[in-house]
């Protein structure tokens, strides 16, 4: 089984640089100008891609769920909120053009079959299947139909459930992401060693999708071998929105990308040698 997957112009997997995704998700708060600023921040930090979310609201949520009272910037019900946050063809057309202009890949997590069909018009380099959708067999099959690379997030899922999802998707052109689906996640529930567990079990590239506070554990995931890391990006963690508090601000993304790249250089090839830069120190400090 291949240990690498091509996403756009990037090779992701064994022996390759970590593929870094800035998840914008719904942190744009329904505002295309905020979305553009988040894209700009991801580009400036050196991310490889940005990711959005796409739902057909009336399919993903029940009428009762949409009718629940919920004060929000778009109205007084949960349905007002969900519809207000949802971008359509006009907004995604702007995003598509803007990402092309800025030279960064973009794709989405699609929560229903119609959303996958919708996204096809933009020729995405891959699809992300959210942890919440891992047990949706029909949605997994619909993604597979389009034969694009798939990134599968495994939060709130047992190994048996991941096994079943992998039986549907197969192992070609699939990246598995270790994830804990709490916002923000507790340190003691990150279980970063599961990255290697998943890699050994499925023999596919394995990455990490994090929702914790801070950056050190995401950087540690990359050092442990995560082929890709994904974190939510926000302009300000104090902004209105359910995902903002578990997100990373632009300056944090800058540091995270910088430190992941620095560690990639520092890891070396594992061969123990004496560097030429050490030779003068030998003559200076060694007595024998």
C-alpha atoms as a PDB file:
ATOM      1  CA  UNK A   1       0.000   0.000   0.000  1.00  0.00           C
ATOM      2  CA  UNK A   2       1.315   3.459  -0.894  1.00  0.00           C
ATOM      3  CA  UNK A   3       2.663   5.497   2.003  1.00  0.00           C
ATOM      4  CA  UNK A   4       2.095   8.743   0.111  1.00  0.00           C
ATOM      5  CA  UNK A   5      -0.897  10.556  -1.351  1.00  0.00           C
ATOM      6  CA  UNK A   6      -0.794  13.368  -3.899  1.00  0.00           C
ATOM      7  CA  UNK A   7      -2.963  16.364  -3.009  1.00  0.00           C
ATOM      8  CA  UNK A   8      -2.778  18.968  -5.742  1.00  0.00           C
ATOM      9  CA  UNK A   9       0.899  19.728  -6.259  1.00  0.00           C
ATOM     10  CA  UNK A  10       1.931  18.267  -2.890  1.00  0.00           C
ATOM     11  CA  UNK A  11       2.995  14.741  -1.955  1.00  0.00           C
ATOM     12  CA  UNK A  12       1.784  13.859   1.537  1.00  0.00           C
ATOM     13  CA  UNK A  13       3.135  10.975   3.567  1.00  0.00           C
ATOM     14  CA  UNK A  14       6.315   9.125   4.435  1.00  0.00           C
ATOM     15  CA  UNK A  15       9.487  11.124   3.833  1.00  0.00           C
ATOM     16  CA  UNK A  16       7.595  14.281   2.858  1.00  0.00           C
ATOM     17  CA  UNK A  17       7.175  17.635   4.614  1.00  0.00           C
ATOM     18  CA  UNK A  18       4.167  17.860   6.921  1.00  0.00           C
ATOM     19  CA  UNK A  19       1.062  19.009   5.022  1.00  0.00           C
ATOM     20  CA  UNK A  20      -0.324  21.881   7.102  1.00  0.00           C
ATOM     21  CA  UNK A  21      -4.015  22.737   6.885  1.00  0.00           C
ATOM     22  CA  UNK A  22      -5.642  25.859   8.296  1.00  0.00           C
ATOM     23  CA  UNK A  23      -9.272  25.026   8.923  1.00  0.00           C
ATOM     24  CA  UNK A  24     -11.393  28.109   8.417  1.00  0.00           C
ATOM     25  CA  UNK A  25     -14.523  25.995   8.803  1.00  0.00           C
ATOM     26  CA  UNK A  26     -17.289  28.358   9.904  1.00  0.00           C
ATOM     27  CA  UNK A  27     -14.965  30.853  11.608  1.00  0.00           C
ATOM     28  CA  UNK A  28     -15.787  33.296   8.801  1.00  0.00           C
ATOM     29  CA  UNK A  29     -19.123  33.898  10.586  1.00  0.00           C
ATOM     30  CA  UNK A  30     -20.910  34.084   7.253  1.00  0.00           C
ATOM     31  CA  UNK A  31     -18.771  37.029   6.106  1.00  0.00           C
ATOM     32  CA  UNK A  32     -16.752  36.657   2.897  1.00  0.00           C
ATOM     33  CA  UNK A  33     -14.367  39.453   3.899  1.00  0.00           C
ATOM     34  CA  UNK A  34     -13.478  37.621   7.115  1.00  0.00           C
ATOM     35  CA  UNK A  35     -12.952  34.490   5.018  1.00  0.00           C
ATOM     36  CA  UNK A  36     -10.492  36.389   2.812  1.00  0.00           C
ATOM     37  CA  UNK A  37      -8.590  37.662   5.859  1.00  0.00           C
ATOM     38  CA  UNK A  38      -8.324  34.114   7.186  1.00  0.00           C
ATOM     39  CA  UNK A  39      -7.011  32.929   3.808  1.00  0.00           C
ATOM     40  CA  UNK A  40      -4.461  35.746   3.893  1.00  0.00           C
ATOM     41  CA  UNK A  41      -3.342  34.702   7.383  1.00  0.00           C
ATOM     42  CA  UNK A  42      -2.931  31.086   6.272  1.00  0.00           C
ATOM     43  CA  UNK A  43      -0.897  32.143   3.235  1.00  0.00           C
ATOM     44  CA  UNK A  44       1.330  34.429   5.310  1.00  0.00           C
ATOM     45  CA  UNK A  45       2.027  31.651   7.833  1.00  0.00           C
ATOM     46  CA  UNK A  46       3.083  29.228   5.072  1.00  0.00           C
ATOM     47  CA  UNK A  47       0.188  26.756   5.284  1.00  0.00           C
ATOM     48  CA  UNK A  48      -0.314  24.327   2.414  1.00  0.00           C
ATOM     49  CA  UNK A  49      -4.117  24.554   2.292  1.00  0.00           C
ATOM     50  CA  UNK A  50      -7.224  26.046   3.848  1.00  0.00           C
ATOM     51  CA  UNK A  51     -10.393  24.105   4.545  1.00  0.00           C
ATOM     52  CA  UNK A  52     -14.035  25.122   4.765  1.00  0.00           C
ATOM     53  CA  UNK A  53     -17.234  23.243   5.612  1.00  0.00           C
ATOM     54  CA  UNK A  54     -20.307  22.689   3.449  1.00  0.00           C
ATOM     55  CA  UNK A  55     -23.760  21.497   4.525  1.00  0.00           C
ATOM     56  CA  UNK A  56     -27.205  21.243   3.013  1.00  0.00           C
ATOM     57  CA  UNK A  57     -28.855  22.602   6.144  1.00  0.00           C
ATOM     58  CA  UNK A  58     -32.276  20.993   5.697  1.00  0.00           C
ATOM     59  CA  UNK A  59     -30.647  17.592   5.105  1.00  0.00           C
ATOM     60  CA  UNK A  60     -28.070  17.594   7.882  1.00  0.00           C
ATOM     61  CA  UNK A  61     -30.411  18.930  10.581  1.00  0.00           C
ATOM     62  CA  UNK A  62     -33.964  17.920  11.496  1.00  0.00           C
ATOM     63  CA  UNK A  63     -36.848  20.407  11.489  1.00  0.00           C
ATOM     64  CA  UNK A  64     -37.019  20.190  15.261  1.00  0.00           C
ATOM     65  CA  UNK A  65     -33.317  20.937  15.593  1.00  0.00           C
ATOM     66  CA  UNK A  66     -33.558  23.926  13.262  1.00  0.00           C
ATOM     67  CA  UNK A  67     -36.584  25.283  15.118  1.00  0.00           C
ATOM     68  CA  UNK A  68     -34.870  25.321  18.543  1.00  0.00           C
ATOM     69  CA  UNK A  69     -34.550  28.800  20.063  1.00  0.00           C
ATOM     70  CA  UNK A  70     -31.009  30.138  19.822  1.00  0.00           C
ATOM     71  CA  UNK A  71     -30.110  33.801  19.883  1.00  0.00           C
ATOM     72  CA  UNK A  72     -27.482  34.541  17.243  1.00  0.00           C
ATOM     73  CA  UNK A  73     -26.409  37.299  14.849  1.00  0.00           C
ATOM     74  CA  UNK A  74     -28.740  35.972  12.138  1.00  0.00           C
ATOM     75  CA  UNK A  75     -31.943  35.520  14.123  1.00  0.00           C
ATOM     76  CA  UNK A  76     -33.530  33.693  17.032  1.00  0.00           C
ATOM     77  CA  UNK A  77     -33.438  30.012  16.038  1.00  0.00           C
ATOM     78  CA  UNK A  78     -30.796  27.400  15.403  1.00  0.00           C
ATOM     79  CA  UNK A  79     -31.950  27.318  11.774  1.00  0.00           C
ATOM     80  CA  UNK A  80     -31.268  31.041  11.408  1.00  0.00           C
ATOM     81  CA  UNK A  81     -27.742  30.417  12.636  1.00  0.00           C
ATOM     82  CA  UNK A  82     -27.023  27.400  10.423  1.00  0.00           C
ATOM     83  CA  UNK A  83     -28.337  29.136   7.292  1.00  0.00           C
ATOM     84  CA  UNK A  84     -26.515  32.365   8.120  1.00  0.00           C
ATOM     85  CA  UNK A  85     -23.182  30.562   8.372  1.00  0.00           C
ATOM     86  CA  UNK A  86     -23.626  28.635   5.129  1.00  0.00           C
ATOM     87  CA  UNK A  87     -21.823  29.885   2.019  1.00  0.00           C
ATOM     88  CA  UNK A  88     -23.361  29.266  -1.403  1.00  0.00           C
ATOM     89  CA  UNK A  89     -22.114  29.226  -4.971  1.00  0.00           C
ATOM     90  CA  UNK A  90     -21.424  32.968  -5.050  1.00  0.00           C
ATOM     91  CA  UNK A  91     -19.276  32.965  -1.919  1.00  0.00           C
ATOM     92  CA  UNK A  92     -17.400  29.793  -2.808  1.00  0.00           C
ATOM     93  CA  UNK A  93     -16.802  31.172  -6.290  1.00  0.00           C
ATOM     94  CA  UNK A  94     -15.134  34.179  -4.675  1.00  0.00           C
ATOM     95  CA  UNK A  95     -13.127  31.881  -2.372  1.00  0.00           C
ATOM     96  CA  UNK A  96     -12.039  29.747  -5.327  1.00  0.00           C
ATOM     97  CA  UNK A  97     -10.793  32.777  -7.266  1.00  0.00           C
ATOM     98  CA  UNK A  98      -9.141  34.299  -4.209  1.00  0.00           C
ATOM     99  CA  UNK A  99      -7.254  31.114  -3.298  1.00  0.00           C
ATOM    100  CA  UNK A 100      -6.061  30.769  -6.889  1.00  0.00           C
ATOM    101  CA  UNK A 101      -4.849  34.368  -6.774  1.00  0.00           C
ATOM    102  CA  UNK A 102      -3.040  33.759  -3.486  1.00  0.00           C
ATOM    103  CA  UNK A 103      -1.582  30.418  -4.601  1.00  0.00           C
ATOM    104  CA  UNK A 104      -3.047  28.213  -1.860  1.00  0.00           C
ATOM    105  CA  UNK A 105      -5.145  25.060  -2.147  1.00  0.00           C
ATOM    106  CA  UNK A 106      -8.607  24.912  -0.642  1.00  0.00           C
ATOM    107  CA  UNK A 107     -11.157  22.194  -0.034  1.00  0.00           C
ATOM    108  CA  UNK A 108     -14.070  21.383   2.262  1.00  0.00           C
ATOM    109  CA  UNK A 109     -15.601  18.944   4.687  1.00  0.00           C
ATOM    110  CA  UNK A 110     -18.927  17.982   3.125  1.00  0.00           C
ATOM    111  CA  UNK A 111     -21.607  16.788   5.536  1.00  0.00           C
ATOM    112  CA  UNK A 112     -24.051  15.352   2.995  1.00  0.00           C
ATOM    113  CA  UNK A 113     -24.101  13.956  -0.531  1.00  0.00           C
ATOM    114  CA  UNK A 114     -25.523  17.087  -2.153  1.00  0.00           C
ATOM    115  CA  UNK A 115     -22.689  19.145  -0.675  1.00  0.00           C
ATOM    116  CA  UNK A 116     -20.129  16.822  -2.281  1.00  0.00           C
ATOM    117  CA  UNK A 117     -21.904  17.257  -5.625  1.00  0.00           C
ATOM    118  CA  UNK A 118     -21.916  21.021  -5.071  1.00  0.00           C
ATOM    119  CA  UNK A 119     -18.172  21.142  -4.374  1.00  0.00           C
ATOM    120  CA  UNK A 120     -17.318  19.163  -7.490  1.00  0.00           C
ATOM    121  CA  UNK A 121     -17.823  22.285  -9.625  1.00  0.00           C
ATOM    122  CA  UNK A 122     -14.691  23.759  -8.022  1.00  0.00           C
ATOM    123  CA  UNK A 123     -12.474  20.745  -8.811  1.00  0.00           C
ATOM    124  CA  UNK A 124     -11.153  20.332  -5.248  1.00  0.00           C
ATOM    125  CA  UNK A 125      -7.760  18.653  -4.747  1.00  0.00           C
ATOM    126  CA  UNK A 126      -9.268  16.367  -2.091  1.00  0.00           C
ATOM    127  CA  UNK A 127     -12.138  16.010   0.361  1.00  0.00           C
ATOM    128  CA  UNK A 128     -12.112  15.924   4.152  1.00  0.00           C
ATOM    129  CA  UNK A 129     -14.576  13.664   5.937  1.00  0.00           C
ATOM    130  CA  UNK A 130     -15.356  15.087   9.365  1.00  0.00           C
ATOM    131  CA  UNK A 131     -15.265  12.897  12.456  1.00  0.00           C
ATOM    132  CA  UNK A 132     -19.025  13.322  12.799  1.00  0.00           C
ATOM    133  CA  UNK A 133     -19.490  11.757   9.348  1.00  0.00           C
ATOM    134  CA  UNK A 134     -17.211   8.726   9.779  1.00  0.00           C
ATOM    135  CA  UNK A 135     -20.148   6.373  10.405  1.00  0.00           C
ATOM    136  CA  UNK A 136     -22.244   7.695   7.480  1.00  0.00           C
ATOM    137  CA  UNK A 137     -21.698   4.821   5.029  1.00  0.00           C
ATOM    138  CA  UNK A 138     -23.624   6.392   2.155  1.00  0.00           C
ATOM    139  CA  UNK A 139     -21.712   9.644   2.467  1.00  0.00           C
ATOM    140  CA  UNK A 140     -18.408   7.750   2.461  1.00  0.00           C
ATOM    141  CA  UNK A 141     -19.443   5.874  -0.690  1.00  0.00           C
ATOM    142  CA  UNK A 142     -20.501   9.129  -2.336  1.00  0.00           C
ATOM    143  CA  UNK A 143     -17.102  10.672  -1.635  1.00  0.00           C
ATOM    144  CA  UNK A 144     -15.358   7.607  -3.031  1.00  0.00           C
ATOM    145  CA  UNK A 145     -17.418   7.814  -6.236  1.00  0.00           C
ATOM    146  CA  UNK A 146     -15.547  10.955  -7.309  1.00  0.00           C
ATOM    147  CA  UNK A 147     -12.144   9.263  -6.952  1.00  0.00           C
ATOM    148  CA  UNK A 148     -10.439  12.188  -5.249  1.00  0.00           C
ATOM    149  CA  UNK A 149      -8.006  11.856  -2.335  1.00  0.00           C
ATOM    150  CA  UNK A 150      -9.830  11.623   0.998  1.00  0.00           C
ATOM    151  CA  UNK A 151      -8.715  12.834   4.426  1.00  0.00           C
ATOM    152  CA  UNK A 152     -10.630  10.912   7.100  1.00  0.00           C
ATOM    153  CA  UNK A 153     -10.872  12.338  10.602  1.00  0.00           C
ATOM    154  CA  UNK A 154     -11.368   9.773  13.384  1.00  0.00           C
ATOM    155  CA  UNK A 155     -12.532  11.746  16.423  1.00  0.00           C
ATOM    156  CA  UNK A 156     -15.187  10.127  18.665  1.00  0.00           C
ATOM    157  CA  UNK A 157     -14.714   6.842  16.777  1.00  0.00           C
ATOM    158  CA  UNK A 158     -13.710   3.368  17.918  1.00  0.00           C
ATOM    159  CA  UNK A 159     -11.153   1.315  16.005  1.00  0.00           C
ATOM    160  CA  UNK A 160     -14.009  -0.930  14.892  1.00  0.00           C
ATOM    161  CA  UNK A 161     -15.798   2.082  13.413  1.00  0.00           C
ATOM    162  CA  UNK A 162     -12.614   3.246  11.689  1.00  0.00           C
ATOM    163  CA  UNK A 163     -12.129  -0.307  10.363  1.00  0.00           C
ATOM    164  CA  UNK A 164     -15.594  -0.182   8.816  1.00  0.00           C
ATOM    165  CA  UNK A 165     -14.996   3.229   7.259  1.00  0.00           C
ATOM    166  CA  UNK A 166     -11.706   2.029   5.779  1.00  0.00           C
ATOM    167  CA  UNK A 167     -13.431  -1.040   4.326  1.00  0.00           C
ATOM    168  CA  UNK A 168     -15.739   1.320   2.435  1.00  0.00           C
ATOM    169  CA  UNK A 169     -13.080   3.829   1.372  1.00  0.00           C
ATOM    170  CA  UNK A 170     -10.213   1.430   0.746  1.00  0.00           C
ATOM    171  CA  UNK A 171      -6.638   2.414   1.459  1.00  0.00           C
ATOM    172  CA  UNK A 172      -5.599   4.025  -1.828  1.00  0.00           C
ATOM    173  CA  UNK A 173      -5.535   7.830  -1.759  1.00  0.00           C
ATOM    174  CA  UNK A 174      -6.682   7.950   1.865  1.00  0.00           C
ATOM    175  CA  UNK A 175      -5.091   9.874   4.725  1.00  0.00           C
ATOM    176  CA  UNK A 176      -6.305   9.071   8.248  1.00  0.00           C
ATOM    177  CA  UNK A 177      -6.276  11.833  10.855  1.00  0.00           C
ATOM    178  CA  UNK A 178      -6.048  11.086  14.570  1.00  0.00           C
ATOM    179  CA  UNK A 179      -8.402  13.444  16.391  1.00  0.00           C
ATOM    180  CA  UNK A 180     -10.167  14.092  19.689  1.00  0.00           C
ATOM    181  CA  UNK A 181     -13.529  15.775  19.095  1.00  0.00           C
ATOM    182  CA  UNK A 182     -13.790  18.147  22.044  1.00  0.00           C
ATOM    183  CA  UNK A 183     -13.437  21.929  21.787  1.00  0.00           C
ATOM    184  CA  UNK A 184     -10.969  22.614  23.283  1.00  0.00           C
ATOM    185  CA  UNK A 185      -9.511  19.175  23.988  1.00  0.00           C
ATOM    186  CA  UNK A 186      -7.883  18.294  27.306  1.00  0.00           C
ATOM    187  CA  UNK A 187      -4.188  17.435  27.203  1.00  0.00           C
ATOM    188  CA  UNK A 188      -4.791  14.074  28.863  1.00  0.00           C
ATOM    189  CA  UNK A 189      -7.267  13.166  26.101  1.00  0.00           C
ATOM    190  CA  UNK A 190      -5.056  13.951  23.083  1.00  0.00           C
ATOM    191  CA  UNK A 191      -3.427  10.492  23.075  1.00  0.00           C
ATOM    192  CA  UNK A 192      -0.824  11.443  20.471  1.00  0.00           C
ATOM    193  CA  UNK A 193       0.666   7.939  20.489  1.00  0.00           C
ATOM    194  CA  UNK A 194      -2.469   6.836  18.641  1.00  0.00           C
ATOM    195  CA  UNK A 195      -0.924   8.429  15.534  1.00  0.00           C
ATOM    196  CA  UNK A 196       1.543   5.535  15.375  1.00  0.00           C
ATOM    197  CA  UNK A 197      -1.162   3.041  16.324  1.00  0.00           C
ATOM    198  CA  UNK A 198      -3.258   4.083  13.334  1.00  0.00           C
ATOM    199  CA  UNK A 199      -0.242   4.117  11.007  1.00  0.00           C
ATOM    200  CA  UNK A 200       0.742   0.578  11.971  1.00  0.00           C
ATOM    201  CA  UNK A 201      -2.820  -0.730  11.750  1.00  0.00           C
ATOM    202  CA  UNK A 202      -3.834   0.743   8.394  1.00  0.00           C
ATOM    203  CA  UNK A 203      -0.490   1.221   6.631  1.00  0.00           C
ATOM    204  CA  UNK A 204      -1.589   4.565   5.186  1.00  0.00           C
ATOM    205  CA  UNK A 205      -0.377   8.119   5.845  1.00  0.00           C
ATOM    206  CA  UNK A 206      -1.664   9.323   9.221  1.00  0.00           C
ATOM    207  CA  UNK A 207      -1.988  12.924  10.352  1.00  0.00           C
ATOM    208  CA  UNK A 208      -3.363  14.880  13.280  1.00  0.00           C
ATOM    209  CA  UNK A 209      -6.370  17.180  13.583  1.00  0.00           C
ATOM    210  CA  UNK A 210      -6.117  19.127  16.831  1.00  0.00           C
ATOM    211  CA  UNK A 211      -8.562  21.185  18.883  1.00  0.00           C
ATOM    212  CA  UNK A 212      -6.448  21.748  21.978  1.00  0.00           C
ATOM    213  CA  UNK A 213      -5.343  25.040  23.460  1.00  0.00           C
ATOM    214  CA  UNK A 214      -1.734  25.891  22.643  1.00  0.00           C
ATOM    215  CA  UNK A 215       0.656  24.759  19.937  1.00  0.00           C
ATOM    216  CA  UNK A 216       3.262  22.494  21.529  1.00  0.00           C
ATOM    217  CA  UNK A 217       1.212  19.310  21.235  1.00  0.00           C
ATOM    218  CA  UNK A 218       0.449  19.911  17.561  1.00  0.00           C
ATOM    219  CA  UNK A 219       4.156  20.401  16.914  1.00  0.00           C
ATOM    220  CA  UNK A 220       4.810  17.221  18.912  1.00  0.00           C
ATOM    221  CA  UNK A 221       2.339  15.362  16.663  1.00  0.00           C
ATOM    222  CA  UNK A 222       4.398  16.348  13.636  1.00  0.00           C
ATOM    223  CA  UNK A 223       7.597  15.194  15.362  1.00  0.00           C
ATOM    224  CA  UNK A 224       5.899  11.882  16.190  1.00  0.00           C
ATOM    225  CA  UNK A 225       5.335  11.356  12.487  1.00  0.00           C
ATOM    226  CA  UNK A 226       2.014  12.981  11.588  1.00  0.00           C
ATOM    227  CA  UNK A 227       2.113  13.463   7.809  1.00  0.00           C
ATOM    228  CA  UNK A 228      -0.364  16.332   8.096  1.00  0.00           C
ATOM    229  CA  UNK A 229      -1.599  18.619  10.833  1.00  0.00           C
ATOM    230  CA  UNK A 230      -4.814  20.599  10.873  1.00  0.00           C
ATOM    231  CA  UNK A 231      -5.840  23.365  13.254  1.00  0.00           C
ATOM    232  CA  UNK A 232      -8.729  25.818  13.166  1.00  0.00           C
ATOM    233  CA  UNK A 233      -7.648  29.361  12.348  1.00  0.00           C
ATOM    234  CA  UNK A 234      -9.302  32.531  13.654  1.00  0.00           C
ATOM    235  CA  UNK A 235      -8.628  36.245  13.534  1.00  0.00           C
ATOM    236  CA  UNK A 236      -9.376  36.505  17.262  1.00  0.00           C
ATOM    237  CA  UNK A 237     -10.230  33.707  19.712  1.00  0.00           C
ATOM    238  CA  UNK A 238     -12.628  36.112  21.461  1.00  0.00           C
ATOM    239  CA  UNK A 239     -14.768  36.488  18.324  1.00  0.00           C
ATOM    240  CA  UNK A 240     -18.339  35.209  18.334  1.00  0.00           C
ATOM    241  CA  UNK A 241     -18.606  31.591  17.187  1.00  0.00           C
ATOM    242  CA  UNK A 242     -18.615  28.046  18.542  1.00  0.00           C
ATOM    243  CA  UNK A 243     -15.164  27.081  17.188  1.00  0.00           C
ATOM    244  CA  UNK A 244     -13.233  30.286  17.903  1.00  0.00           C
ATOM    245  CA  UNK A 245     -12.001  29.352  21.400  1.00  0.00           C
ATOM    246  CA  UNK A 246     -10.425  26.123  20.093  1.00  0.00           C
ATOM    247  CA  UNK A 247      -8.753  27.940  17.196  1.00  0.00           C
ATOM    248  CA  UNK A 248      -5.332  29.480  16.627  1.00  0.00           C
ATOM    249  CA  UNK A 249      -4.809  33.165  15.874  1.00  0.00           C
ATOM    250  CA  UNK A 250      -2.593  34.253  12.929  1.00  0.00           C
ATOM    251  CA  UNK A 251       0.515  34.897  15.012  1.00  0.00           C
ATOM    252  CA  UNK A 252       0.101  31.462  16.571  1.00  0.00           C
ATOM    253  CA  UNK A 253      -0.165  29.856  13.150  1.00  0.00           C
ATOM    254  CA  UNK A 254       3.040  31.638  12.143  1.00  0.00           C
ATOM    255  CA  UNK A 255       4.864  30.107  15.126  1.00  0.00           C
ATOM    256  CA  UNK A 256       3.356  26.667  14.625  1.00  0.00           C
ATOM    257  CA  UNK A 257       4.355  26.432  10.960  1.00  0.00           C
ATOM    258  CA  UNK A 258       7.811  27.859  11.710  1.00  0.00           C
ATOM    259  CA  UNK A 259       8.440  25.341  14.496  1.00  0.00           C
ATOM    260  CA  UNK A 260       7.156  22.356  12.499  1.00  0.00           C
ATOM    261  CA  UNK A 261       9.483  23.279   9.620  1.00  0.00           C
ATOM    262  CA  UNK A 262      12.399  23.834  12.019  1.00  0.00           C
ATOM    263  CA  UNK A 263      11.878  20.411  13.548  1.00  0.00           C
ATOM    264  CA  UNK A 264      11.765  18.800  10.104  1.00  0.00           C
ATOM    265  CA  UNK A 265      15.241  20.195   9.457  1.00  0.00           C
ATOM    266  CA  UNK A 266      16.492  19.241  12.916  1.00  0.00           C
ATOM    267  CA  UNK A 267      15.306  15.615  12.680  1.00  0.00           C
ATOM    268  CA  UNK A 268      18.051  14.806  10.157  1.00  0.00           C
ATOM    269  CA  UNK A 269      18.485  11.337   8.684  1.00  0.00           C
ATOM    270  CA  UNK A 270      19.408   9.435  11.837  1.00  0.00           C
ATOM    271  CA  UNK A 271      22.964   8.619  10.753  1.00  0.00           C
ATOM    272  CA  UNK A 272      25.450   9.498  13.512  1.00  0.00           C
ATOM    273  CA  UNK A 273      28.343  11.514  12.079  1.00  0.00           C
ATOM    274  CA  UNK A 274      30.882  14.145  13.090  1.00  0.00           C
ATOM    275  CA  UNK A 275      30.135  17.417  11.324  1.00  0.00           C
ATOM    276  CA  UNK A 276      32.884  19.556   9.844  1.00  0.00           C
ATOM    277  CA  UNK A 277      31.701  22.382  12.085  1.00  0.00           C
ATOM    278  CA  UNK A 278      32.670  20.210  15.083  1.00  0.00           C
ATOM    279  CA  UNK A 279      36.295  19.649  13.996  1.00  0.00           C
ATOM    280  CA  UNK A 280      37.682  22.902  15.412  1.00  0.00           C
ATOM    281  CA  UNK A 281      35.911  22.141  18.695  1.00  0.00           C
ATOM    282  CA  UNK A 282      37.606  18.727  18.821  1.00  0.00           C
ATOM    283  CA  UNK A 283      41.068  20.286  18.589  1.00  0.00           C
ATOM    284  CA  UNK A 284      40.142  22.909  21.124  1.00  0.00           C
ATOM    285  CA  UNK A 285      38.436  20.831  23.819  1.00  0.00           C
ATOM    286  CA  UNK A 286      39.667  17.204  23.594  1.00  0.00           C
ATOM    287  CA  UNK A 287      42.796  16.350  25.495  1.00  0.00           C
ATOM    288  CA  UNK A 288      43.191  12.854  23.991  1.00  0.00           C
END
